[in-house]
PDB file of N, CA and C in Angstrom:
ATOM      1  N   MET A   1      46.487 -54.139  24.079  1.00  0.00           N
ATOM      2  CA  MET A   1      45.386 -55.078  24.041  1.00  0.00           C
ATOM      3  C   MET A   1      44.126 -54.365  24.536  1.00  0.00           C
ATOM      4  N   SER A   2      43.036 -54.523  23.800  1.00  0.00           N
ATOM      5  CA  SER A   2      41.760 -53.911  24.169  1.00  0.00           C
ATOM      6  C   SER A   2      41.097 -54.704  25.283  1.00  0.00           C
ATOM      7  N   LEU A   3      40.307 -54.022  26.062  1.00  0.00           N
ATOM      8  CA  LEU A   3      39.580 -54.650  27.155  1.00  0.00           C
ATOM      9  C   LEU A   3      38.672 -55.758  26.628  1.00  0.00           C
ATOM     10  N   GLY A   4      38.763 -56.936  27.220  1.00  0.00           N
ATOM     11  CA  GLY A   4      37.889 -58.045  26.839  1.00  0.00           C
ATOM     12  C   GLY A   4      38.366 -58.871  25.671  1.00  0.00           C
ATOM     13  N   THR A   5      39.548 -58.551  25.113  1.00  0.00           N
ATOM     14  CA  THR A   5      40.006 -59.304  23.945  1.00  0.00           C
ATOM     15  C   THR A   5      41.168 -60.221  24.245  1.00  0.00           C
ATOM     16  N   GLY A   6      41.711 -60.152  25.437  1.00  0.00           N
ATOM     17  CA  GLY A   6      42.879 -60.948  25.772  1.00  0.00           C
ATOM     18  C   GLY A   6      42.558 -62.409  26.016  1.00  0.00           C
ATOM     19  N   THR A   7      43.538 -63.268  25.758  1.00  0.00           N
ATOM     20  CA  THR A   7      43.368 -64.693  26.017  1.00  0.00           C
ATOM     21  C   THR A   7      44.444 -65.206  26.965  1.00  0.00           C
ATOM     22  N   ASP A   8      45.151 -64.299  27.631  1.00  0.00           N
ATOM     23  CA  ASP A   8      46.167 -64.702  28.589  1.00  0.00           C
ATOM     24  C   ASP A   8      45.478 -65.262  29.825  1.00  0.00           C
ATOM     25  N   LEU A   9      45.719 -66.545  30.089  1.00  0.00           N
ATOM     26  CA  LEU A   9      45.055 -67.202  31.202  1.00  0.00           C
ATOM     27  C   LEU A   9      46.032 -67.611  32.296  1.00  0.00           C
ATOM     28  N   SER A  10      47.187 -66.948  32.351  1.00  0.00           N
ATOM     29  CA  SER A  10      48.181 -67.326  33.348  1.00  0.00           C
ATOM     30  C   SER A  10      47.611 -67.116  34.749  1.00  0.00           C
ATOM     31  N   GLY A  11      47.788 -68.117  35.577  1.00  0.00           N
ATOM     32  CA  GLY A  11      47.296 -68.062  36.939  1.00  0.00           C
ATOM     33  C   GLY A  11      45.817 -68.377  37.095  1.00  0.00           C
ATOM     34  N   ALA A  12      45.121 -68.584  35.994  1.00  0.00           N
ATOM     35  CA  ALA A  12      43.681 -68.859  36.051  1.00  0.00           C
ATOM     36  C   ALA A  12      43.423 -70.331  35.764  1.00  0.00           C
ATOM     37  N   ARG A  13      42.229 -70.771  36.146  1.00  0.00           N
ATOM     38  CA  ARG A  13      41.808 -72.116  35.763  1.00  0.00           C
ATOM     39  C   ARG A  13      41.593 -72.118  34.258  1.00  0.00           C
ATOM     40  N   LYS A  14      42.187 -73.078  33.565  1.00  0.00           N
ATOM     41  CA  LYS A  14      42.085 -73.129  32.110  1.00  0.00           C
ATOM     42  C   LYS A  14      40.694 -73.579  31.685  1.00  0.00           C
ATOM     43  N   PRO A  15      40.085 -72.898  30.698  1.00  0.00           N
ATOM     44  CA  PRO A  15      38.752 -73.304  30.235  1.00  0.00           C
ATOM     45  C   PRO A  15      38.793 -74.638  29.501  1.00  0.00           C
ATOM     46  N   SER A  16      37.716 -75.376  29.604  1.00  0.00           N
ATOM     47  CA  SER A  16      37.604 -76.649  28.897  1.00  0.00           C
ATOM     48  C   SER A  16      37.316 -76.387  27.427  1.00  0.00           C
ATOM     49  N   SER A  17      37.391 -77.434  26.607  1.00  0.00           N
ATOM     50  CA  SER A  17      37.074 -77.292  25.183  1.00  0.00           C
ATOM     51  C   SER A  17      35.615 -76.896  24.993  1.00  0.00           C
ATOM     52  N   VAL A  18      34.728 -77.359  25.877  1.00  0.00           N
ATOM     53  CA  VAL A  18      33.319 -76.981  25.793  1.00  0.00           C
ATOM     54  C   VAL A  18      33.160 -75.488  26.059  1.00  0.00           C
ATOM     55  N   GLU A  19      33.890 -74.972  27.053  1.00  0.00           N
ATOM     56  CA  GLU A  19      33.831 -73.537  27.345  1.00  0.00           C
ATOM     57  C   GLU A  19      34.375 -72.706  26.186  1.00  0.00           C
ATOM     58  N   TRP A  20      35.460 -73.169  25.559  1.00  0.00           N
ATOM     59  CA  TRP A  20      35.999 -72.448  24.396  1.00  0.00           C
ATOM     60  C   TRP A  20      35.012 -72.487  23.241  1.00  0.00           C
ATOM     61  N   ASP A  21      34.377 -73.649  22.999  1.00  0.00           N
ATOM     62  CA  ASP A  21      33.433 -73.777  21.896  1.00  0.00           C
ATOM     63  C   ASP A  21      32.207 -72.898  22.082  1.00  0.00           C
ATOM     64  N   GLY A  22      31.832 -72.603  23.317  1.00  0.00           N
ATOM     65  CA  GLY A  22      30.657 -71.788  23.586  1.00  0.00           C
ATOM     66  C   GLY A  22      30.943 -70.309  23.677  1.00  0.00           C
ATOM     67  N   TYR A  23      32.195 -69.903  23.418  1.00  0.00           N
ATOM     68  CA  TYR A  23      32.558 -68.490  23.534  1.00  0.00           C
ATOM     69  C   TYR A  23      32.380 -67.782  22.197  1.00  0.00           C
ATOM     70  N   GLU A  24      31.648 -66.681  22.200  1.00  0.00           N
ATOM     71  CA  GLU A  24      31.437 -65.853  21.005  1.00  0.00           C
ATOM     72  C   GLU A  24      32.382 -64.663  21.108  1.00  0.00           C
ATOM     73  N   SER A  25      33.542 -64.747  20.444  1.00  0.00           N
ATOM     74  CA  SER A  25      34.562 -63.705  20.602  1.00  0.00           C
ATOM     75  C   SER A  25      34.106 -62.347  20.089  1.00  0.00           C
ATOM     76  N   ASP A  26      33.270 -62.321  19.044  1.00  0.00           N
ATOM     77  CA  ASP A  26      32.811 -61.025  18.535  1.00  0.00           C
ATOM     78  C   ASP A  26      31.850 -60.337  19.502  1.00  0.00           C
ATOM     79  N   LEU A  27      31.222 -61.105  20.402  1.00  0.00           N
ATOM     80  CA  LEU A  27      30.316 -60.537  21.399  1.00  0.00           C
ATOM     81  C   LEU A  27      30.947 -60.453  22.783  1.00  0.00           C
ATOM     82  N   PHE A  28      32.143 -61.047  22.923  1.00  0.00           N
ATOM     83  CA  PHE A  28      32.814 -61.122  24.221  1.00  0.00           C
ATOM     84  C   PHE A  28      31.907 -61.762  25.263  1.00  0.00           C
ATOM     85  N   ALA A  29      31.236 -62.851  24.876  1.00  0.00           N
ATOM     86  CA  ALA A  29      30.269 -63.490  25.762  1.00  0.00           C
ATOM     87  C   ALA A  29      30.233 -64.988  25.519  1.00  0.00           C
ATOM     88  N   HIS A  30      29.675 -65.718  26.463  1.00  0.00           N
ATOM     89  CA  HIS A  30      29.497 -67.159  26.360  1.00  0.00           C
ATOM     90  C   HIS A  30      28.055 -67.483  26.032  1.00  0.00           C
ATOM     91  N   ARG A  31      27.860 -68.552  25.250  1.00  0.00           N
ATOM     92  CA  ARG A  31      26.525 -69.058  24.949  1.00  0.00           C
ATOM     93  C   ARG A  31      26.151 -70.107  25.988  1.00  0.00           C
ATOM     94  N   PHE A  32      24.922 -70.087  26.448  1.00  0.00           N
ATOM     95  CA  PHE A  32      24.408 -71.118  27.340  1.00  0.00           C
ATOM     96  C   PHE A  32      23.176 -71.712  26.687  1.00  0.00           C
ATOM     97  N   THR A  33      23.207 -73.009  26.394  1.00  0.00           N
ATOM     98  CA  THR A  33      22.121 -73.631  25.650  1.00  0.00           C
ATOM     99  C   THR A  33      21.596 -74.894  26.315  1.00  0.00           C
ATOM    100  N   ASP A  34      21.900 -75.095  27.583  1.00  0.00           N
ATOM    101  CA  ASP A  34      21.448 -76.332  28.211  1.00  0.00           C
ATOM    102  C   ASP A  34      20.017 -76.202  28.728  1.00  0.00           C
ATOM    103  N   ILE A  35      19.343 -77.332  28.744  1.00  0.00           N
ATOM    104  CA  ILE A  35      18.008 -77.433  29.315  1.00  0.00           C
ATOM    105  C   ILE A  35      18.198 -77.957  30.741  1.00  0.00           C
ATOM    106  N   PRO A  36      17.704 -77.253  31.756  1.00  0.00           N
ATOM    107  CA  PRO A  36      17.890 -77.727  33.130  1.00  0.00           C
ATOM    108  C   PRO A  36      17.369 -79.151  33.322  1.00  0.00           C
ATOM    109  N   THR A  37      17.971 -79.873  34.225  1.00  0.00           N
ATOM    110  CA  THR A  37      17.611 -81.274  34.438  1.00  0.00           C
ATOM    111  C   THR A  37      16.262 -81.453  35.113  1.00  0.00           C
ATOM    112  N   ASN A  38      15.678 -80.389  35.638  1.00  0.00           N
ATOM    113  CA  ASN A  38      14.371 -80.525  36.277  1.00  0.00           C
ATOM    114  C   ASN A  38      13.231 -80.316  35.276  1.00  0.00           C
ATOM    115  N   MET A  39      13.528 -80.361  33.985  1.00  0.00           N
ATOM    116  CA  MET A  39      12.513 -80.139  32.959  1.00  0.00           C
ATOM    117  C   MET A  39      11.999 -81.481  32.430  1.00  0.00           C
ATOM    118  N   GLN A  40      10.751 -81.476  32.028  1.00  0.00           N
ATOM    119  CA  GLN A  40      10.190 -82.627  31.329  1.00  0.00           C
ATOM    120  C   GLN A  40      10.244 -82.327  29.835  1.00  0.00           C
ATOM    121  N   GLY A  41      10.229 -83.361  29.017  1.00  0.00           N
ATOM    122  CA  GLY A  41      10.280 -83.167  27.570  1.00  0.00           C
ATOM    123  C   GLY A  41       9.249 -84.020  26.860  1.00  0.00           C
ATOM    124  N   ARG A  42       8.810 -83.521  25.726  1.00  0.00           N
ATOM    125  CA  ARG A  42       7.893 -84.262  24.852  1.00  0.00           C
ATOM    126  C   ARG A  42       8.402 -84.106  23.422  1.00  0.00           C
ATOM    127  N   TRP A  43       8.151 -85.143  22.589  1.00  0.00           N
ATOM    128  CA  TRP A  43       8.601 -85.145  21.204  1.00  0.00           C
ATOM    129  C   TRP A  43       7.488 -85.663  20.317  1.00  0.00           C
ATOM    130  N   ALA A  44       7.379 -85.109  19.113  1.00  0.00           N
ATOM    131  CA  ALA A  44       6.378 -85.560  18.138  1.00  0.00           C
ATOM    132  C   ALA A  44       7.065 -85.719  16.785  1.00  0.00           C
ATOM    133  N   TYR A  45       6.779 -86.835  16.115  1.00  0.00           N
ATOM    134  CA  TYR A  45       7.428 -87.190  14.856  1.00  0.00           C
ATOM    135  C   TYR A  45       6.408 -87.275  13.730  1.00  0.00           C
ATOM    136  N   ASP A  46       6.882 -87.107  12.497  1.00  0.00           N
ATOM    137  CA  ASP A  46       5.987 -87.291  11.353  1.00  0.00           C
ATOM    138  C   ASP A  46       6.022 -88.756  10.909  1.00  0.00           C
ATOM    139  N   GLU A  47       5.320 -89.064   9.825  1.00  0.00           N
ATOM    140  CA  GLU A  47       5.219 -90.451   9.353  1.00  0.00           C
ATOM    141  C   GLU A  47       6.556 -91.010   8.861  1.00  0.00           C
ATOM    142  N   SER A  48       7.543 -90.142   8.597  1.00  0.00           N
ATOM    143  CA  SER A  48       8.877 -90.584   8.163  1.00  0.00           C
ATOM    144  C   SER A  48       9.860 -90.654   9.327  1.00  0.00           C
ATOM    145  N   SER A  49       9.361 -90.563  10.538  1.00  0.00           N
ATOM    146  CA  SER A  49      10.171 -90.590  11.767  1.00  0.00           C
ATOM    147  C   SER A  49      11.085 -89.375  11.907  1.00  0.00           C
ATOM    148  N   ASN A  50      10.724 -88.263  11.254  1.00  0.00           N
ATOM    149  CA  ASN A  50      11.448 -87.010  11.443  1.00  0.00           C
ATOM    150  C   ASN A  50      10.864 -86.291  12.653  1.00  0.00           C
ATOM    151  N   LEU A  51      11.738 -85.770  13.503  1.00  0.00           N
ATOM    152  CA  LEU A  51      11.290 -84.996  14.649  1.00  0.00           C
ATOM    153  C   LEU A  51      10.690 -83.688  14.142  1.00  0.00           C
ATOM    154  N   ILE A  52       9.432 -83.441  14.455  1.00  0.00           N
ATOM    155  CA  ILE A  52       8.752 -82.220  14.025  1.00  0.00           C
ATOM    156  C   ILE A  52       8.630 -81.232  15.179  1.00  0.00           C
ATOM    157  N   TYR A  53       8.284 -81.711  16.366  1.00  0.00           N
ATOM    158  CA  TYR A  53       8.133 -80.841  17.531  1.00  0.00           C
ATOM    159  C   TYR A  53       8.886 -81.436  18.721  1.00  0.00           C
ATOM    160  N   ALA A  54       9.518 -80.556  19.490  1.00  0.00           N
ATOM    161  CA  ALA A  54      10.100 -80.905  20.780  1.00  0.00           C
ATOM    162  C   ALA A  54       9.630 -79.844  21.760  1.00  0.00           C
ATOM    163  N   GLY A  55       9.285 -80.266  22.958  1.00  0.00           N
ATOM    164  CA  GLY A  55       8.806 -79.312  23.954  1.00  0.00           C
ATOM    165  C   GLY A  55       9.426 -79.583  25.310  1.00  0.00           C
ATOM    166  N   PHE A  56       9.712 -78.504  26.045  1.00  0.00           N
ATOM    167  CA  PHE A  56      10.302 -78.598  27.375  1.00  0.00           C
ATOM    168  C   PHE A  56       9.535 -77.685  28.318  1.00  0.00           C
ATOM    169  N   ALA A  57       9.288 -78.186  29.526  1.00  0.00           N
ATOM    170  CA  ALA A  57       8.552 -77.425  30.539  1.00  0.00           C
ATOM    171  C   ALA A  57       8.989 -77.901  31.923  1.00  0.00           C
ATOM    172  N   PRO A  58       8.742 -77.086  32.946  1.00  0.00           N
ATOM    173  CA  PRO A  58       9.044 -77.534  34.299  1.00  0.00           C
ATOM    174  C   PRO A  58       8.316 -78.842  34.605  1.00  0.00           C
ATOM    175  N   ARG A  59       8.990 -79.725  35.301  1.00  0.00           N
ATOM    176  CA  ARG A  59       8.404 -81.014  35.664  1.00  0.00           C
ATOM    177  C   ARG A  59       7.085 -80.803  36.378  1.00  0.00           C
ATOM    178  N   GLY A  60       6.066 -81.540  35.927  1.00  0.00           N
ATOM    179  CA  GLY A  60       4.748 -81.471  36.547  1.00  0.00           C
ATOM    180  C   GLY A  60       3.787 -80.515  35.870  1.00  0.00           C
ATOM    181  N   LEU A  61       4.275 -79.640  34.969  1.00  0.00           N
ATOM    182  CA  LEU A  61       3.381 -78.719  34.263  1.00  0.00           C
ATOM    183  C   LEU A  61       2.535 -79.516  33.273  1.00  0.00           C
ATOM    184  N   ALA A  62       1.235 -79.316  33.292  1.00  0.00           N
ATOM    185  CA  ALA A  62       0.336 -80.061  32.411  1.00  0.00           C
ATOM    186  C   ALA A  62       0.590 -79.702  30.953  1.00  0.00           C
ATOM    187  N   GLU A  63       0.336 -80.666  30.060  1.00  0.00           N
ATOM    188  CA  GLU A  63       0.576 -80.448  28.633  1.00  0.00           C
ATOM    189  C   GLU A  63      -0.292 -79.339  28.057  1.00  0.00           C
ATOM    190  N   GLY A  64      -1.438 -79.053  28.650  1.00  0.00           N
ATOM    191  CA  GLY A  64      -2.323 -78.011  28.160  1.00  0.00           C
ATOM    192  C   GLY A  64      -2.121 -76.658  28.825  1.00  0.00           C
ATOM    193  N   THR A  65      -1.107 -76.552  29.686  1.00  0.00           N
ATOM    194  CA  THR A  65      -0.843 -75.313  30.407  1.00  0.00           C
ATOM    195  C   THR A  65       0.298 -74.553  29.743  1.00  0.00           C
ATOM    196  N   ASP A  66       0.125 -73.231  29.561  1.00  0.00           N
ATOM    197  CA  ASP A  66       1.203 -72.415  28.997  1.00  0.00           C
ATOM    198  C   ASP A  66       2.423 -72.451  29.902  1.00  0.00           C
ATOM    199  N   GLY A  67       3.589 -72.331  29.281  1.00  0.00           N
ATOM    200  CA  GLY A  67       4.852 -72.389  30.016  1.00  0.00           C
ATOM    201  C   GLY A  67       5.841 -73.322  29.340  1.00  0.00           C
ATOM    202  N   TRP A  68       5.475 -73.850  28.180  1.00  0.00           N
ATOM    203  CA  TRP A  68       6.322 -74.768  27.430  1.00  0.00           C
ATOM    204  C   TRP A  68       7.208 -73.997  26.450  1.00  0.00           C
ATOM    205  N   LEU A  69       8.463 -74.405  26.348  1.00  0.00           N
ATOM    206  CA  LEU A  69       9.366 -73.953  25.292  1.00  0.00           C
ATOM    207  C   LEU A  69       9.226 -74.966  24.164  1.00  0.00           C
ATOM    208  N   LEU A  70       8.735 -74.517  23.023  1.00  0.00           N
ATOM    209  CA  LEU A  70       8.436 -75.402  21.901  1.00  0.00           C
ATOM    210  C   LEU A  70       9.438 -75.187  20.771  1.00  0.00           C
ATOM    211  N   HIS A  71       9.857 -76.277  20.155  1.00  0.00           N
ATOM    212  CA  HIS A  71      10.738 -76.227  18.988  1.00  0.00           C
ATOM    213  C   HIS A  71      10.003 -76.885  17.828  1.00  0.00           C
ATOM    214  N   LYS A  72      10.046 -76.265  16.657  1.00  0.00           N
ATOM    215  CA  LYS A  72       9.459 -76.848  15.452  1.00  0.00           C
ATOM    216  C   LYS A  72      10.574 -77.005  14.423  1.00  0.00           C
ATOM    217  N   PHE A  73      10.679 -78.213  13.851  1.00  0.00           N
ATOM    218  CA  PHE A  73      11.729 -78.523  12.894  1.00  0.00           C
ATOM    219  C   PHE A  73      11.136 -78.702  11.500  1.00  0.00           C
ATOM    220  N   THR A  74      11.813 -78.149  10.494  1.00  0.00           N
ATOM    221  CA  THR A  74      11.403 -78.291   9.098  1.00  0.00           C
ATOM    222  C   THR A  74      12.414 -79.185   8.399  1.00  0.00           C
ATOM    223  N   TRP A  75      11.906 -80.139   7.624  1.00  0.00           N
ATOM    224  CA  TRP A  75      12.743 -81.124   6.935  1.00  0.00           C
ATOM    225  C   TRP A  75      12.564 -81.006   5.428  1.00  0.00           C
ATOM    226  N   GLU A  76      13.677 -81.124   4.696  1.00  0.00           N
ATOM    227  CA  GLU A  76      13.648 -81.164   3.234  1.00  0.00           C
ATOM    228  C   GLU A  76      14.598 -82.267   2.777  1.00  0.00           C
ATOM    229  N   THR A  77      14.060 -83.204   2.016  1.00  0.00           N
ATOM    230  CA  THR A  77      14.821 -84.353   1.474  1.00  0.00           C
ATOM    231  C   THR A  77      15.717 -85.004   2.525  1.00  0.00           C
ATOM    232  N   GLY A  78      15.121 -85.285   3.677  1.00  0.00           N
ATOM    233  CA  GLY A  78      15.830 -86.015   4.728  1.00  0.00           C
ATOM    234  C   GLY A  78      16.761 -85.188   5.588  1.00  0.00           C
ATOM    235  N   ASN A  79      16.831 -83.876   5.369  1.00  0.00           N
ATOM    236  CA  ASN A  79      17.710 -83.015   6.161  1.00  0.00           C
ATOM    237  C   ASN A  79      16.897 -81.973   6.921  1.00  0.00           C
ATOM    238  N   CYS A  80      17.261 -81.759   8.160  1.00  0.00           N
ATOM    239  CA  CYS A  80      16.625 -80.712   8.948  1.00  0.00           C
ATOM    240  C   CYS A  80      17.195 -79.379   8.465  1.00  0.00           C
ATOM    241  N   THR A  81      16.321 -78.505   7.973  1.00  0.00           N
ATOM    242  CA  THR A  81      16.770 -77.249   7.386  1.00  0.00           C
ATOM    243  C   THR A  81      16.395 -76.021   8.213  1.00  0.00           C
ATOM    244  N   LYS A  82      15.554 -76.199   9.218  1.00  0.00           N
ATOM    245  CA  LYS A  82      15.107 -75.042   9.980  1.00  0.00           C
ATOM    246  C   LYS A  82      14.616 -75.472  11.354  1.00  0.00           C
ATOM    247  N   ARG A  83      14.927 -74.650  12.356  1.00  0.00           N
ATOM    248  CA  ARG A  83      14.392 -74.837  13.705  1.00  0.00           C
ATOM    249  C   ARG A  83      13.835 -73.503  14.153  1.00  0.00           C
ATOM    250  N   GLU A  84      12.587 -73.510  14.590  1.00  0.00           N
ATOM    251  CA  GLU A  84      11.940 -72.310  15.096  1.00  0.00           C
ATOM    252  C   GLU A  84      11.443 -72.580  16.507  1.00  0.00           C
ATOM    253  N   ILE A  85      11.291 -71.510  17.297  1.00  0.00           N
ATOM    254  CA  ILE A  85      10.813 -71.695  18.667  1.00  0.00           C
ATOM    255  C   ILE A  85       9.558 -70.872  18.913  1.00  0.00           C
ATOM    256  N   ALA A  86       8.804 -71.310  19.904  1.00  0.00           N
ATOM    257  CA  ALA A  86       7.608 -70.608  20.361  1.00  0.00           C
ATOM    258  C   ALA A  86       7.427 -70.922  21.838  1.00  0.00           C
ATOM    259  N   TYR A  87       6.571 -70.158  22.485  1.00  0.00           N
ATOM    260  CA  TYR A  87       6.210 -70.403  23.874  1.00  0.00           C
ATOM    261  C   TYR A  87       4.709 -70.602  23.924  1.00  0.00           C
ATOM    262  N   GLY A  88       4.282 -71.606  24.644  1.00  0.00           N
ATOM    263  CA  GLY A  88       2.859 -71.898  24.726  1.00  0.00           C
ATOM    264  C   GLY A  88       2.636 -73.169  25.502  1.00  0.00           C
ATOM    265  N   ASN A  89       1.749 -74.042  24.988  1.00  0.00           N
ATOM    266  CA  ASN A  89       1.500 -75.323  25.656  1.00  0.00           C
ATOM    267  C   ASN A  89       1.669 -76.455  24.649  1.00  0.00           C
ATOM    268  N   TRP A  90       1.980 -77.628  25.158  1.00  0.00           N
ATOM    269  CA  TRP A  90       2.262 -78.774  24.297  1.00  0.00           C
ATOM    270  C   TRP A  90       1.038 -79.178  23.489  1.00  0.00           C
ATOM    271  N   THR A  91      -0.125 -79.125  24.074  1.00  0.00           N
ATOM    272  CA  THR A  91      -1.354 -79.533  23.389  1.00  0.00           C
ATOM    273  C   THR A  91      -1.613 -78.649  22.166  1.00  0.00           C
ATOM    274  N   GLY A  92      -1.295 -77.362  22.248  1.00  0.00           N
ATOM    275  CA  GLY A  92      -1.536 -76.433  21.147  1.00  0.00           C
ATOM    276  C   GLY A  92      -0.305 -76.147  20.303  1.00  0.00           C
ATOM    277  N   ARG A  93       0.663 -77.051  20.305  1.00  0.00           N
ATOM    278  CA  ARG A  93       1.935 -76.806  19.620  1.00  0.00           C
ATOM    279  C   ARG A  93       1.778 -76.530  18.127  1.00  0.00           C
ATOM    280  N   ALA A  94       0.822 -77.187  17.462  1.00  0.00           N
ATOM    281  CA  ALA A  94       0.655 -76.997  16.023  1.00  0.00           C
ATOM    282  C   ALA A  94       0.139 -75.603  15.692  1.00  0.00           C
ATOM    283  N   ASP A  95      -0.570 -74.973  16.630  1.00  0.00           N
ATOM    284  CA  ASP A  95      -1.149 -73.653  16.389  1.00  0.00           C
ATOM    285  C   ASP A  95      -0.314 -72.517  16.950  1.00  0.00           C
ATOM    286  N   ALA A  96       0.828 -72.837  17.570  1.00  0.00           N
ATOM    287  CA  ALA A  96       1.680 -71.795  18.159  1.00  0.00           C
ATOM    288  C   ALA A  96       2.314 -70.944  17.055  1.00  0.00           C
ATOM    289  N   THR A  97       2.715 -69.727  17.397  1.00  0.00           N
ATOM    290  CA  THR A  97       3.391 -68.836  16.458  1.00  0.00           C
ATOM    291  C   THR A  97       4.876 -69.006  16.625  1.00  0.00           C
ATOM    292  N   TYR A  98       5.511 -69.624  15.635  1.00  0.00           N
ATOM    293  CA  TYR A  98       6.953 -69.920  15.682  1.00  0.00           C
ATOM    294  C   TYR A  98       7.743 -68.847  14.952  1.00  0.00           C
ATOM    295  N   ALA A  99       8.907 -68.561  15.460  1.00  0.00           N
ATOM    296  CA  ALA A  99       9.813 -67.609  14.814  1.00  0.00           C
ATOM    297  C   ALA A  99      11.237 -68.099  14.961  1.00  0.00           C
TER     298      ALA A  99
END
């Protein structure tokens, strides 16, 4: 057995289904995608009630201050087809450079 490829968990605390789902076996690493609970959030929708922008920042950070994690969603025929991220401020979210 190669280093880092084993799944023998005898004597160890067994991982939960969430821990197994977040494991990338080809990278031998876990994914972490949670937003800390001390963050504030903002959301902006289009005229069809599709979420277009979501933003997260430390609680108390002003909407015009840089430090926001911004998400931009692209929709086609009622389906979300793309999510891009940028860093900046909530007020300038439309002008941010998303990738």
